[in-house]
């Protein structure tokens, strides 16, 4: 769908990169609420935080990877 394509084309990731007021955990919470209608479990939060920190050289691509991975879960497919 065009909605999914828009998310995959980096609109959500671009928003996360440009948002300088929110912390990484707040951004992750936002993604989980949008994708799964729930907050991330502590282990999910720490895994993504770690990944984002390791990819500081290309933060937009890192957020695109996170969005892509969430959209490809069975949980997302079941909810949408």
C-alpha atoms as a PDB file:
ATOM      1  CA  UNK A   1       0.000   0.000   0.000  1.00  0.00           C
ATOM      2  CA  UNK A   2       1.063   3.614  -0.383  1.00  0.00           C
ATOM      3  CA  UNK A   3       1.038   4.015   3.406  1.00  0.00           C
ATOM      4  CA  UNK A   4       3.532   1.187   3.884  1.00  0.00           C
ATOM      5  CA  UNK A   5       5.661   2.421   0.991  1.00  0.00           C
ATOM      6  CA  UNK A   6       5.770   5.862   2.570  1.00  0.00           C
ATOM      7  CA  UNK A   7       7.062   4.366   5.788  1.00  0.00           C
ATOM      8  CA  UNK A   8       9.639   2.324   3.911  1.00  0.00           C
ATOM      9  CA  UNK A   9      10.802   5.302   1.869  1.00  0.00           C
ATOM     10  CA  UNK A  10      12.159   6.896   5.005  1.00  0.00           C
ATOM     11  CA  UNK A  11       9.506   9.415   6.009  1.00  0.00           C
ATOM     12  CA  UNK A  12       9.242   8.007   9.509  1.00  0.00           C
ATOM     13  CA  UNK A  13      13.014   7.592   9.773  1.00  0.00           C
ATOM     14  CA  UNK A  14      13.593  11.146   8.552  1.00  0.00           C
ATOM     15  CA  UNK A  15      11.213  12.408  11.210  1.00  0.00           C
ATOM     16  CA  UNK A  16      13.080  10.458  13.904  1.00  0.00           C
ATOM     17  CA  UNK A  17      16.422  11.860  12.758  1.00  0.00           C
ATOM     18  CA  UNK A  18      15.184  15.452  12.654  1.00  0.00           C
ATOM     19  CA  UNK A  19      13.461  15.240  16.059  1.00  0.00           C
ATOM     20  CA  UNK A  20      16.095  16.735  18.360  1.00  0.00           C
ATOM     21  CA  UNK A  21      13.749  17.075  21.343  1.00  0.00           C
ATOM     22  CA  UNK A  22      12.997  13.370  21.887  1.00  0.00           C
ATOM     23  CA  UNK A  23      15.420  10.858  23.331  1.00  0.00           C
ATOM     24  CA  UNK A  24      16.227   7.574  21.599  1.00  0.00           C
ATOM     25  CA  UNK A  25      14.007   5.612  24.036  1.00  0.00           C
ATOM     26  CA  UNK A  26      11.138   8.049  23.381  1.00  0.00           C
ATOM     27  CA  UNK A  27      11.573   7.578  19.636  1.00  0.00           C
ATOM     28  CA  UNK A  28      11.591   3.795  20.016  1.00  0.00           C
ATOM     29  CA  UNK A  29       8.445   3.971  22.152  1.00  0.00           C
ATOM     30  CA  UNK A  30       6.795   6.050  19.419  1.00  0.00           C
ATOM     31  CA  UNK A  31       7.679   3.453  16.777  1.00  0.00           C
ATOM     32  CA  UNK A  32       6.341   0.588  18.873  1.00  0.00           C
ATOM     33  CA  UNK A  33       3.106   2.419  19.595  1.00  0.00           C
ATOM     34  CA  UNK A  34       2.620   3.109  15.878  1.00  0.00           C
ATOM     35  CA  UNK A  35       3.572  -0.396  14.730  1.00  0.00           C
ATOM     36  CA  UNK A  36       2.256  -2.587  17.540  1.00  0.00           C
ATOM     37  CA  UNK A  37       0.021  -0.398  19.738  1.00  0.00           C
ATOM     38  CA  UNK A  38       2.260  -1.216  22.684  1.00  0.00           C
ATOM     39  CA  UNK A  39       5.488  -0.069  24.266  1.00  0.00           C
ATOM     40  CA  UNK A  40       8.644  -2.121  23.705  1.00  0.00           C
ATOM     41  CA  UNK A  41       9.746  -4.706  26.229  1.00  0.00           C
ATOM     42  CA  UNK A  42      12.945  -3.763  28.123  1.00  0.00           C
ATOM     43  CA  UNK A  43      15.043  -6.146  26.018  1.00  0.00           C
ATOM     44  CA  UNK A  44      13.586  -4.768  22.765  1.00  0.00           C
ATOM     45  CA  UNK A  45      14.304  -1.234  23.882  1.00  0.00           C
ATOM     46  CA  UNK A  46      17.908  -2.003  24.840  1.00  0.00           C
ATOM     47  CA  UNK A  47      18.583  -3.926  21.600  1.00  0.00           C
ATOM     48  CA  UNK A  48      17.391  -1.047  19.439  1.00  0.00           C
ATOM     49  CA  UNK A  49      19.162   1.567  21.558  1.00  0.00           C
ATOM     50  CA  UNK A  50      22.377  -0.390  21.179  1.00  0.00           C
ATOM     51  CA  UNK A  51      21.916  -0.723  17.424  1.00  0.00           C
ATOM     52  CA  UNK A  52      21.227   2.987  16.969  1.00  0.00           C
ATOM     53  CA  UNK A  53      24.285   3.876  19.058  1.00  0.00           C
ATOM     54  CA  UNK A  54      26.516   1.568  17.012  1.00  0.00           C
ATOM     55  CA  UNK A  55      25.293   3.158  13.771  1.00  0.00           C
ATOM     56  CA  UNK A  56      25.916   6.780  14.769  1.00  0.00           C
ATOM     57  CA  UNK A  57      27.902   7.232  11.535  1.00  0.00           C
ATOM     58  CA  UNK A  58      24.684   6.895   9.495  1.00  0.00           C
ATOM     59  CA  UNK A  59      21.809   7.567  11.839  1.00  0.00           C
ATOM     60  CA  UNK A  60      19.145   7.925   9.128  1.00  0.00           C
ATOM     61  CA  UNK A  61      19.985   4.512   7.708  1.00  0.00           C
ATOM     62  CA  UNK A  62      19.955   3.055  11.229  1.00  0.00           C
ATOM     63  CA  UNK A  63      16.434   4.350  11.859  1.00  0.00           C
ATOM     64  CA  UNK A  64      15.337   3.086   8.424  1.00  0.00           C
ATOM     65  CA  UNK A  65      16.659  -0.357   9.388  1.00  0.00           C
ATOM     66  CA  UNK A  66      14.699  -0.268  12.640  1.00  0.00           C
ATOM     67  CA  UNK A  67      11.478   0.785  10.908  1.00  0.00           C
ATOM     68  CA  UNK A  68      11.987  -1.903   8.251  1.00  0.00           C
ATOM     69  CA  UNK A  69      12.590  -4.587  10.872  1.00  0.00           C
ATOM     70  CA  UNK A  70       9.433  -3.657  12.773  1.00  0.00           C
ATOM     71  CA  UNK A  71       7.331  -3.665   9.608  1.00  0.00           C
ATOM     72  CA  UNK A  72       8.552  -7.159   8.799  1.00  0.00           C
ATOM     73  CA  UNK A  73       7.551  -8.790  12.076  1.00  0.00           C
ATOM     74  CA  UNK A  74       4.675 -11.192  12.365  1.00  0.00           C
ATOM     75  CA  UNK A  75       3.258  -8.958  15.087  1.00  0.00           C
ATOM     76  CA  UNK A  76       2.991  -6.019  12.658  1.00  0.00           C
ATOM     77  CA  UNK A  77       1.533  -8.179   9.908  1.00  0.00           C
ATOM     78  CA  UNK A  78      -1.026  -9.598  12.320  1.00  0.00           C
ATOM     79  CA  UNK A  79      -2.046  -6.135  13.567  1.00  0.00           C
ATOM     80  CA  UNK A  80      -2.285  -4.571  10.122  1.00  0.00           C
END
